[in-house]
Structures are given as structure tokens and as C-alpha cells.
Amino acid sequence: MRGHSRAAPAIWPKRDIGFEPLGLLAFEDPLRASVAPAVAQARAAGIAVAMITGDHDATALAVAKQAGIETAAGALTGRQMDALDDAGLRAAVGDVRVFARIQPEQKLRLVRAFAAIGETVAMTGDGVNDAPALKAAHIGIAMGARGTDVAREAAGLVLLDDDFGHIVAGVRMGRRIFDNLRRVMIYITAIHVPIAGLALLPVLLGLPPLLLPVHVVLTEMVVDPACSLAFEGAPDDADVMARPPRAGDASLVGWSMLWRGLLQGSALLAAALVAFAVEMSRSGSEEAARTCAVAGLTLGNLLLVAVDATAGQGLRALLTRDFPAFWAVALVAASTIAAAITWPPLRALLHFGVPPALDLVATLAACAASVLLVRPLVGMRAKGNHRGLPSRRRTAAC
């Protein structure tokens, strides 16, 4: 605006100042490009996203539409909230996803209302007045770049980059880690069945000892790297963000998973034990029989890693770039067994012999079949009971 004035006293009355409008200037704070895709991913994963803002309700609805937040139920303002009792607010938050003209104390009330209807609430905030709501939420998320120290102290998580997309990426990573933990628990259960059985059953059945301490150490050379490298680095499933959230009280390990592991391990135990007994009767050599059984156990161990680590993806996933650790472990294990059979000093250390090639191949085939044939029977789906659980949403209030 341009102002015109006549000669005036030192302090001009407003009525003496003439203004001539020259134009209208507006400012827009656009959404980040990552917000709309992140909201879409959250909704596909069963996560309802809500907006809590102090802006006008029309502004809030316009921004919510751009972000992909549900606006069909309109916006609930702070004044309208004050007119609702707790029961009315709980009913409202079941549908409304945009909250406008909200005061700090009302944020806390909204968090409690969402929690009261069974939601797991993730609340984001950056100001001092957000601290009570951040503290009350199941997951308080503070903004690290522009957040206050009070908000950071009250929150359970702090975003280094104030980007909503990172929250959704964190959910994806958490689901991948949870799936991989379940897979590794199935594997640990499975592999320790034949280890314990082969160490104990031959003695109880009147056969020579099969697994000696050095063989257990040899087996653990596969188990430990597999758990810490192969399973930890396994990629997420293609549908990891297309499942509803699991129930909050869902356990990491369930009985169905333990039974899967026990069935896998029992099949491998039976194959290795039968191979040991058959080779003893054929050749009469304790060392040759032990060599067949331990080699079969090692191959079965590697196949258990492959089957359990790729659960839900298929064994073809092993051919991708996501499983270099598995191939490294497999190469070391295979080289060790081969060296133990062909190199006399190592063969003597492990109490091995040189079995007939045909018998060794037959044992390896039997142990491999025991793992691969059981795979479809156990319904390898390490994701657990996601689809059988109630569809409880996780609501992110931002």
C-alpha cells in the first residue's frame, strides 16, 4: 500500500492517512512432497492419520485433503470439543480425523480419547505446550530440528529431520525387524532339536556317540552367524505395509511358531539319525557313520536358515542381493566339512572317517528332503497371525 498525507502534526491520527490498495500478497507453506505418499502408505497399513492444529477449520480441511487425510467427517473445532463430554468425544474421534482451533489442553484430551477407544496413539509435537500430550501418548514423537527441549524430553522418539515420511519408514522397519525376529525364533527352535537329539538318542539306543563337543561347536559356527547376519539382513516382505497392525498384546513367540520349529527340527533329526544307523549297519565304521550324519546335519542346518529366512518370499529370494551373509556362511560351512573329510589331521580332530561317496550323497539328499518337504506342511509364514487378529489401528496425531 502507498500512503498519502497532508502536512500533519507530529502524531498523525489514523483518519488523516489515506491508503491506496495496490495488490494482495499471500504466503503459502506447502506440504513436503513426501507427506501424501507417506499418509497413503500409513492408511494402507491400517494406520489412521489425524491432524491436530490451531489453524482455522477451513484451512485445516484444505491441507488435510492435500495430504490425503480423511475429511469426510469434517473438522472438529476446539469450541465444539468443549461442548462434548468424554463419551461424546470418544464417539467423535472414531470418525473425525481433522481437529482445528485446538488449545494445548485439548491436545491432551484428544490423546486420551483415542487411547480410550483402544487405539495405540503416536503423537507428534514440537512446542512446550505439546509436552503433556507427547507424554500421555503411547509413542511421543518430537521434532528434532525445530522442537523445543521440553518436547524432546517428554517424547519417546525424536526425529532428526522433521519429516512425517520418516515416521512411516520407521513403522516399516519395525515390522521388518519383528518379522525377522519371529523367523529366527523358529530357526533356533528347529536347529536345537537335532542337536540335542543326535547328542542323546544314539547313546540311549545303544549306538556309539554321534555328536561330540567339537561337532556342537562346528554346528554353532553356522547358527551364530546365521542369527546375527543372515536373519538380521533379510529384507521385508512385499506386503509388509499392506497388513493391519497386530494386536498390542501379541507375543513375539507363539505356540504355533514353536510347533513349526519342532516339526522342522524333528524331521531333520529323524533323517540324520536314520542315516547314522544305516551307515553303521552297512560299513560298521563309527567314524564313517558320524561323518555322514554330521555332514547331513550341516546341510540341513543351512537349509533351515534358507527356508526360515525367506519365509513368505520363497527360496528364489536367496538369489537376490539381500542374502550375501547366507552364502558366506554356507561357503565357510561347506569348506569346513569338505576339509574335515579330505585332510587327515582335521579328520582325526573331528573323529571323522571317509564314507563311501554314494552313502554320503544319499545322506545329504535325505537330510535336504527332510527340510524341504516339511516346509509347505508348516505353512511358512513368519508374519504370524496378523490377518487373524482384530484390526486395531495405530493413530498418528500430528
Protein backbone atom coordinates (compact mmCIF):
# COMPACT_ATOMS: atom_id res chain seq x y z
CA MET A 1 0.00 0.00 0.00
CA ARG A 2 1.05 3.52 -0.68
CA GLY A 3 0.22 6.18 1.91
CA HIS A 4 -0.63 9.85 1.16
CA SER A 5 -0.83 12.58 3.74
CA ARG A 6 -1.09 16.27 4.12
CA ALA A 7 1.04 18.36 6.40
CA ALA A 8 0.17 16.96 9.77
CA PRO A 9 1.20 17.19 13.36
CA ALA A 10 3.95 15.00 14.78
CA ILE A 11 1.43 12.28 15.58
CA TRP A 12 -0.99 11.61 12.75
CA PRO A 13 -4.49 10.44 13.53
CA LYS A 14 -5.32 7.31 11.51
CA ARG A 15 -8.15 9.11 9.74
CA ASP A 16 -5.70 11.56 8.27
CA ILE A 17 -3.74 8.82 6.48
CA GLY A 18 -5.03 7.88 3.08
CA PHE A 19 -4.22 4.39 1.74
CA GLU A 20 -4.37 3.30 -1.83
CA PRO A 21 -4.55 -0.54 -2.32
CA LEU A 22 -2.00 -1.73 -4.87
CA GLY A 23 -2.42 -5.52 -4.60
CA LEU A 24 -2.82 -8.57 -2.36
CA LEU A 25 0.13 -10.64 -1.20
CA ALA A 26 -0.36 -14.20 0.13
CA PHE A 27 2.07 -16.69 1.65
CA GLU A 28 1.80 -20.46 1.38
CA ASP A 29 3.67 -23.07 3.35
CA PRO A 30 3.33 -26.09 1.02
CA LEU A 31 3.35 -29.69 2.13
CA ARG A 32 6.53 -31.66 1.70
CA ALA A 33 6.44 -33.92 -1.31
CA SER A 34 6.86 -36.96 0.92
CA VAL A 35 3.76 -36.33 3.05
CA ALA A 36 0.97 -37.52 0.73
CA PRO A 37 2.72 -40.82 -0.21
CA ALA A 38 3.55 -41.42 3.45
CA VAL A 39 -0.07 -40.88 4.51
CA ALA A 40 -1.23 -43.24 1.76
CA GLN A 41 1.21 -45.90 3.00
CA ALA A 42 0.03 -45.41 6.56
CA ARG A 43 -3.60 -45.86 5.59
CA ALA A 44 -2.76 -49.00 3.60
CA ALA A 45 -1.02 -50.35 6.71
CA GLY A 46 -4.12 -49.79 8.85
CA ILE A 47 -2.78 -46.63 10.48
CA ALA A 48 -5.28 -43.78 10.72
CA VAL A 49 -3.62 -40.36 10.48
CA ALA A 50 -5.22 -37.40 12.26
CA MET A 51 -4.37 -33.70 12.06
CA ILE A 52 -4.46 -31.52 15.19
CA THR A 53 -3.86 -27.85 14.52
CA GLY A 54 -4.60 -24.41 15.84
CA ASP A 55 -5.48 -23.13 12.36
CA HIS A 56 -8.95 -22.30 11.05
CA ASP A 57 -11.05 -25.35 10.26
CA ALA A 58 -11.32 -24.44 6.55
CA THR A 59 -7.54 -24.17 6.31
CA ALA A 60 -7.10 -27.44 8.16
CA LEU A 61 -9.51 -29.27 5.86
CA ALA A 62 -7.80 -27.91 2.76
CA VAL A 63 -4.36 -29.03 3.95
CA ALA A 64 -5.75 -32.41 5.06
CA LYS A 65 -7.15 -33.03 1.57
CA GLN A 66 -3.77 -32.27 0.03
CA ALA A 67 -2.11 -34.71 2.45
CA GLY A 68 -4.63 -37.47 1.84
CA ILE A 69 -6.08 -37.40 5.36
CA GLU A 70 -9.73 -38.41 5.64
CA THR A 71 -12.01 -35.36 5.63
CA ALA A 72 -15.42 -36.96 5.08
CA ALA A 73 -16.40 -36.36 8.72
CA GLY A 74 -15.36 -32.70 8.54
CA ALA A 75 -13.35 -30.90 11.18
CA LEU A 76 -13.95 -30.80 14.91
CA THR A 77 -13.04 -27.43 16.44
CA GLY A 78 -11.87 -26.69 19.93
CA ARG A 79 -15.12 -24.91 20.72
CA GLN A 80 -17.12 -27.94 19.63
CA MET A 81 -14.88 -30.16 21.74
CA ASP A 82 -15.66 -28.10 24.82
CA ALA A 83 -19.34 -28.84 24.28
CA LEU A 84 -18.75 -32.61 24.30
CA ASP A 85 -18.39 -34.79 27.36
CA ASP A 86 -15.83 -37.60 27.41
CA ALA A 87 -18.25 -40.14 25.96
CA GLY A 88 -19.22 -37.78 23.16
CA LEU A 89 -15.60 -37.05 22.35
CA ARG A 90 -14.76 -40.76 22.22
CA ALA A 91 -17.58 -41.23 19.72
CA ALA A 92 -16.36 -38.27 17.66
CA VAL A 93 -12.73 -39.33 17.41
CA GLY A 94 -13.84 -42.65 15.97
CA ASP A 95 -14.65 -40.85 12.71
CA VAL A 96 -13.14 -37.36 12.71
CA ARG A 97 -9.56 -37.02 11.51
CA VAL A 98 -9.17 -33.23 11.39
CA PHE A 99 -9.17 -31.14 14.57
CA ALA A 100 -8.88 -27.36 14.25
CA ARG A 101 -8.60 -24.37 16.61
CA ILE A 102 -7.26 -26.74 19.25
CA GLN A 103 -5.81 -25.45 22.50
CA PRO A 104 -2.86 -27.15 24.24
CA GLU A 105 -5.01 -28.73 26.95
CA GLN A 106 -7.35 -30.08 24.30
CA LYS A 107 -4.49 -31.98 22.62
CA LEU A 108 -4.06 -33.97 25.80
CA ARG A 109 -7.78 -34.67 25.92
CA LEU A 110 -7.72 -35.92 22.33
CA VAL A 111 -4.84 -38.29 23.02
CA ARG A 112 -6.73 -39.73 25.98
CA ALA A 113 -9.89 -40.08 23.91
CA PHE A 114 -8.10 -42.02 21.17
CA ALA A 115 -6.49 -44.28 23.76
CA ALA A 116 -9.87 -44.84 25.44
CA ILE A 117 -11.34 -46.38 22.28
CA GLY A 118 -8.48 -48.88 22.01
CA GLU A 119 -6.14 -47.05 19.67
CA THR A 120 -2.36 -47.10 20.01
CA VAL A 121 -1.57 -43.40 19.78
CA ALA A 122 1.53 -41.84 18.27
CA MET A 123 1.59 -38.08 18.89
CA THR A 124 3.93 -35.63 17.19
CA GLY A 125 4.77 -32.18 18.50
CA ASP A 126 7.45 -29.54 18.78
CA GLY A 127 6.34 -26.93 21.30
CA VAL A 128 6.36 -26.62 25.07
CA ASN A 129 2.58 -26.89 25.11
CA ASP A 130 2.78 -30.25 23.29
CA ALA A 131 4.68 -31.88 26.16
CA PRO A 132 1.64 -33.20 28.13
CA ALA A 133 0.16 -34.82 25.02
CA LEU A 134 3.55 -36.26 23.99
CA LYS A 135 3.96 -37.74 27.45
CA ALA A 136 0.43 -39.20 27.52
CA ALA A 137 0.65 -40.83 24.08
CA HIS A 138 1.85 -44.41 23.71
CA ILE A 139 4.56 -43.09 21.39
CA GLY A 140 5.55 -39.45 21.72
CA ILE A 141 7.48 -38.15 18.71
CA ALA A 142 9.24 -34.78 18.98
CA MET A 143 10.60 -32.72 16.12
CA GLY A 144 14.37 -32.61 16.38
CA ALA A 145 15.08 -29.71 14.03
CA ARG A 146 12.64 -27.14 15.36
CA GLY A 147 11.36 -28.80 18.51
CA THR A 148 11.87 -27.37 21.97
CA ASP A 149 13.96 -29.06 24.64
CA VAL A 150 10.81 -29.66 26.68
CA ALA A 151 9.14 -31.51 23.79
CA ARG A 152 12.24 -33.65 23.24
CA GLU A 153 12.41 -34.59 26.90
CA ALA A 154 8.73 -35.52 27.00
CA ALA A 155 8.82 -37.62 23.81
CA GLY A 156 9.93 -41.20 23.44
CA LEU A 157 11.35 -40.61 19.95
CA VAL A 158 12.99 -37.58 18.34
CA LEU A 159 13.00 -37.07 14.57
CA LEU A 160 16.33 -35.71 13.37
CA ASP A 161 14.60 -34.48 10.20
CA ASP A 162 11.09 -33.11 10.73
CA ASP A 163 9.53 -35.27 8.04
CA PHE A 164 6.36 -37.30 8.53
CA GLY A 165 7.61 -39.77 5.94
CA HIS A 166 10.31 -40.90 8.35
CA ILE A 167 7.66 -41.99 10.83
CA VAL A 168 6.06 -44.29 8.27
CA ALA A 169 9.51 -45.55 7.23
CA GLY A 170 10.14 -46.35 10.90
CA VAL A 171 6.92 -48.37 11.05
CA ARG A 172 8.05 -50.34 8.00
CA MET A 173 11.44 -51.01 9.56
CA GLY A 174 9.81 -52.08 12.82
CA ARG A 175 7.58 -54.56 11.03
CA ARG A 176 10.57 -55.99 9.16
CA ILE A 177 12.54 -56.41 12.39
CA PHE A 178 9.57 -58.06 14.11
CA ASP A 179 9.09 -60.50 11.21
CA ASN A 180 12.78 -61.38 11.20
CA LEU A 181 12.79 -61.93 14.95
CA ARG A 182 9.93 -64.39 14.54
CA ARG A 183 11.75 -66.16 11.74
CA VAL A 184 14.92 -66.51 13.75
CA MET A 185 12.97 -67.87 16.74
CA ILE A 186 11.51 -70.60 14.51
CA TYR A 187 15.00 -71.41 13.25
CA ILE A 188 16.58 -71.51 16.73
CA THR A 189 13.85 -73.86 17.92
CA ALA A 190 14.26 -76.08 14.86
CA ILE A 191 18.04 -76.46 14.84
CA HIS A 192 18.39 -77.27 18.53
CA VAL A 193 16.05 -80.26 18.23
CA PRO A 194 18.52 -82.30 16.12
CA ILE A 195 21.50 -81.01 18.09
CA ALA A 196 20.02 -82.27 21.36
CA GLY A 197 18.58 -85.42 19.79
CA LEU A 198 21.74 -86.51 18.00
CA ALA A 199 23.78 -85.99 21.16
CA LEU A 200 21.43 -88.03 23.36
CA LEU A 201 19.43 -90.58 21.36
CA PRO A 202 22.28 -92.69 19.92
CA VAL A 203 23.53 -93.38 23.45
CA LEU A 204 20.03 -94.28 24.65
CA LEU A 205 19.57 -96.59 21.66
CA GLY A 206 22.84 -98.41 22.28
CA LEU A 207 24.68 -96.83 19.36
CA PRO A 208 28.09 -95.16 19.57
CA PRO A 209 28.09 -91.45 20.46
CA LEU A 210 27.32 -89.32 17.43
CA LEU A 211 27.71 -85.64 18.32
CA LEU A 212 30.79 -84.84 20.34
CA PRO A 213 31.50 -81.37 21.82
CA VAL A 214 33.62 -80.43 18.81
CA HIS A 215 30.68 -81.17 16.50
CA VAL A 216 28.38 -78.95 18.53
CA VAL A 217 30.94 -76.16 18.15
CA LEU A 218 31.06 -76.84 14.42
CA THR A 219 27.26 -76.56 14.21
CA GLU A 220 27.24 -73.34 16.20
CA MET A 221 29.62 -71.89 13.59
CA VAL A 222 26.58 -71.85 11.34
CA VAL A 223 23.93 -70.98 13.94
CA ASP A 224 25.52 -67.85 15.38
CA PRO A 225 26.43 -66.06 12.11
CA ALA A 226 23.07 -67.02 10.64
CA CYS A 227 21.19 -65.46 13.55
CA SER A 228 23.26 -62.27 13.66
CA LEU A 229 23.79 -61.73 9.92
CA ALA A 230 21.51 -63.71 7.61
CA PHE A 231 18.27 -63.12 9.51
CA GLU A 232 19.09 -59.56 10.58
CA GLY A 233 19.75 -58.54 7.00
CA ALA A 234 16.73 -60.28 5.48
CA PRO A 235 14.54 -57.79 3.55
CA ASP A 236 10.93 -57.05 4.37
CA ASP A 237 8.09 -58.78 2.57
CA ALA A 238 6.39 -57.04 -0.34
CA ASP A 239 3.14 -56.76 1.62
CA VAL A 240 4.68 -55.64 4.90
CA MET A 241 2.83 -52.30 4.70
CA ALA A 242 -0.41 -53.83 3.48
CA ARG A 243 -1.25 -55.70 6.68
CA PRO A 244 -3.34 -54.46 9.57
CA PRO A 245 -1.39 -53.81 12.77
CA ARG A 246 -1.04 -56.73 15.11
CA ALA A 247 -2.72 -56.63 18.49
CA GLY A 248 -0.83 -54.75 21.16
CA ASP A 249 -0.70 -57.85 23.37
CA ALA A 250 0.57 -60.15 20.59
CA SER A 251 3.63 -62.08 21.77
CA LEU A 252 6.88 -62.38 19.86
CA VAL A 253 6.78 -66.16 20.03
CA GLY A 254 3.55 -68.16 19.95
CA TRP A 255 2.82 -71.84 20.26
CA SER A 256 2.14 -72.18 16.53
CA MET A 257 5.65 -70.88 15.81
CA LEU A 258 7.21 -73.26 18.32
CA TRP A 259 5.38 -76.19 16.75
CA ARG A 260 6.71 -75.16 13.35
CA GLY A 261 10.25 -75.19 14.66
CA LEU A 262 9.74 -78.51 16.47
CA LEU A 263 8.34 -80.13 13.32
CA GLN A 264 11.21 -78.86 11.18
CA GLY A 265 13.82 -79.95 13.70
CA SER A 266 12.23 -83.36 14.29
CA ALA A 267 12.25 -84.13 10.57
CA LEU A 268 15.95 -83.27 10.29
CA LEU A 269 16.72 -85.25 13.46
CA ALA A 270 14.98 -88.34 12.07
CA ALA A 271 16.82 -88.13 8.75
CA ALA A 272 20.28 -87.70 10.33
CA LEU A 273 19.69 -90.38 12.97
CA VAL A 274 18.46 -92.94 10.42
CA ALA A 275 21.43 -92.14 8.17
CA PHE A 276 23.80 -92.74 11.10
CA ALA A 277 22.20 -96.07 11.98
CA VAL A 278 22.07 -97.26 8.37
CA GLU A 279 25.72 -96.39 7.75
CA MET A 280 26.74 -98.15 10.97
CA SER A 281 25.00 -101.31 9.83
CA ARG A 282 26.40 -101.09 6.29
CA SER A 283 30.03 -100.27 6.98
CA GLY A 284 30.43 -100.95 10.67
CA SER A 285 32.56 -97.79 10.89
CA GLU A 286 31.62 -95.39 13.66
CA GLU A 287 33.71 -92.62 12.09
CA ALA A 288 32.18 -93.02 8.62
CA ALA A 289 28.66 -93.05 10.07
CA ARG A 290 29.41 -89.96 12.12
CA THR A 291 30.77 -88.18 9.05
CA CYS A 292 27.57 -88.85 7.10
CA ALA A 293 25.33 -87.71 9.95
CA VAL A 294 27.26 -84.52 10.74
CA ALA A 295 27.51 -83.59 7.06
CA GLY A 296 23.77 -84.15 6.69
CA LEU A 297 23.10 -82.09 9.81
CA THR A 298 25.22 -79.23 8.44
CA LEU A 299 23.39 -79.22 5.11
CA GLY A 300 20.05 -79.39 6.89
CA ASN A 301 21.13 -76.54 9.13
CA LEU A 302 21.92 -74.36 6.13
CA LEU A 303 18.60 -75.24 4.51
CA LEU A 304 16.76 -74.35 7.70
CA VAL A 305 18.38 -70.93 7.54
CA ALA A 306 17.37 -70.58 3.89
CA VAL A 307 13.79 -71.73 4.46
CA ASP A 308 13.13 -69.68 7.57
CA ALA A 309 14.92 -66.51 6.45
CA THR A 310 12.95 -66.42 3.19
CA ALA A 311 9.59 -67.32 4.75
CA GLY A 312 6.84 -65.53 2.85
CA GLN A 313 9.21 -64.67 -0.02
CA GLY A 314 10.23 -68.01 -1.49
CA LEU A 315 13.65 -69.60 -1.88
CA ARG A 316 14.24 -67.56 -5.03
CA ALA A 317 14.90 -64.60 -2.74
CA LEU A 318 18.25 -66.21 -1.94
CA LEU A 319 19.39 -65.35 -5.46
CA THR A 320 18.92 -61.62 -4.87
CA ARG A 321 21.44 -59.24 -3.35
CA ASP A 322 19.73 -59.37 0.04
CA PHE A 323 21.37 -62.57 1.30
CA PRO A 324 25.16 -62.26 0.91
CA ALA A 325 25.64 -63.26 4.55
CA PHE A 326 23.86 -66.58 3.98
CA TRP A 327 26.10 -67.51 1.08
CA ALA A 328 29.20 -66.54 3.04
CA VAL A 329 28.15 -68.75 5.97
CA ALA A 330 27.25 -71.60 3.60
CA LEU A 331 30.63 -71.37 1.87
CA VAL A 332 32.56 -71.50 5.15
CA ALA A 333 30.48 -74.42 6.48
CA ALA A 334 30.77 -76.45 3.28
CA SER A 335 34.52 -75.82 3.07
CA THR A 336 34.99 -76.92 6.67
CA ILE A 337 33.12 -80.21 6.15
CA ALA A 338 34.98 -80.88 2.91
CA ALA A 339 38.33 -80.20 4.61
CA ALA A 340 37.37 -82.42 7.55
CA ILE A 341 36.77 -85.35 5.19
CA THR A 342 39.81 -84.88 2.94
CA TRP A 343 42.51 -83.57 5.33
CA PRO A 344 43.70 -86.26 7.75
CA PRO A 345 44.70 -84.01 10.70
CA LEU A 346 41.32 -82.28 10.74
CA ARG A 347 39.58 -85.59 10.13
CA ALA A 348 41.24 -87.06 13.20
CA LEU A 349 40.37 -83.99 15.30
CA LEU A 350 36.67 -84.34 14.44
CA HIS A 351 36.69 -88.16 14.71
CA PHE A 352 35.56 -88.42 11.10
CA GLY A 353 36.12 -91.15 8.54
CA VAL A 354 35.87 -91.41 4.78
CA PRO A 355 32.43 -92.85 3.97
CA PRO A 356 31.52 -94.25 0.56
CA ALA A 357 30.62 -91.38 -1.76
CA LEU A 358 27.23 -92.89 -2.56
CA ASP A 359 26.34 -93.20 1.11
CA LEU A 360 27.37 -89.61 1.77
CA VAL A 361 25.30 -88.33 -1.17
CA ALA A 362 22.30 -90.38 -0.01
CA THR A 363 22.57 -88.91 3.49
CA LEU A 364 22.80 -85.36 2.18
CA ALA A 365 19.78 -85.94 -0.05
CA ALA A 366 17.74 -87.40 2.82
CA CYS A 367 18.54 -84.51 5.17
CA ALA A 368 17.80 -81.94 2.47
CA ALA A 369 14.49 -83.61 1.67
CA SER A 370 13.53 -83.68 5.37
CA VAL A 371 13.74 -79.88 5.47
CA LEU A 372 12.31 -79.04 2.06
CA LEU A 373 9.40 -81.48 2.21
CA VAL A 374 8.32 -80.27 5.65
CA ARG A 375 8.41 -76.63 4.54
CA PRO A 376 4.91 -76.50 2.98
CA LEU A 377 3.45 -78.52 5.85
CA VAL A 378 4.38 -75.94 8.48
CA GLY A 379 2.88 -73.09 6.43
CA MET A 380 5.99 -70.95 6.48
CA ARG A 381 4.58 -67.53 7.16
CA ALA A 382 6.68 -65.84 9.83
CA LYS A 383 4.33 -62.90 9.92
CA GLY A 384 2.29 -64.82 12.43
CA ASN A 385 -1.38 -64.14 13.00
CA HIS A 386 -1.66 -60.65 11.58
CA ARG A 387 -4.68 -61.40 9.47
CA GLY A 388 -6.36 -63.37 12.21
CA LEU A 389 -6.10 -60.57 14.75
CA PRO A 390 -8.63 -57.82 15.36
CA SER A 391 -7.98 -54.88 13.08
CA ARG A 392 -6.72 -52.41 15.66
CA ARG A 393 -5.40 -49.21 14.18
CA ARG A 394 -2.47 -47.12 15.25
CA THR A 395 -3.42 -43.46 15.12
CA ALA A 396 -0.74 -40.85 14.49
CA ALA A 397 -1.88 -37.45 15.71
CA CYS A 398 0.15 -34.61 14.18
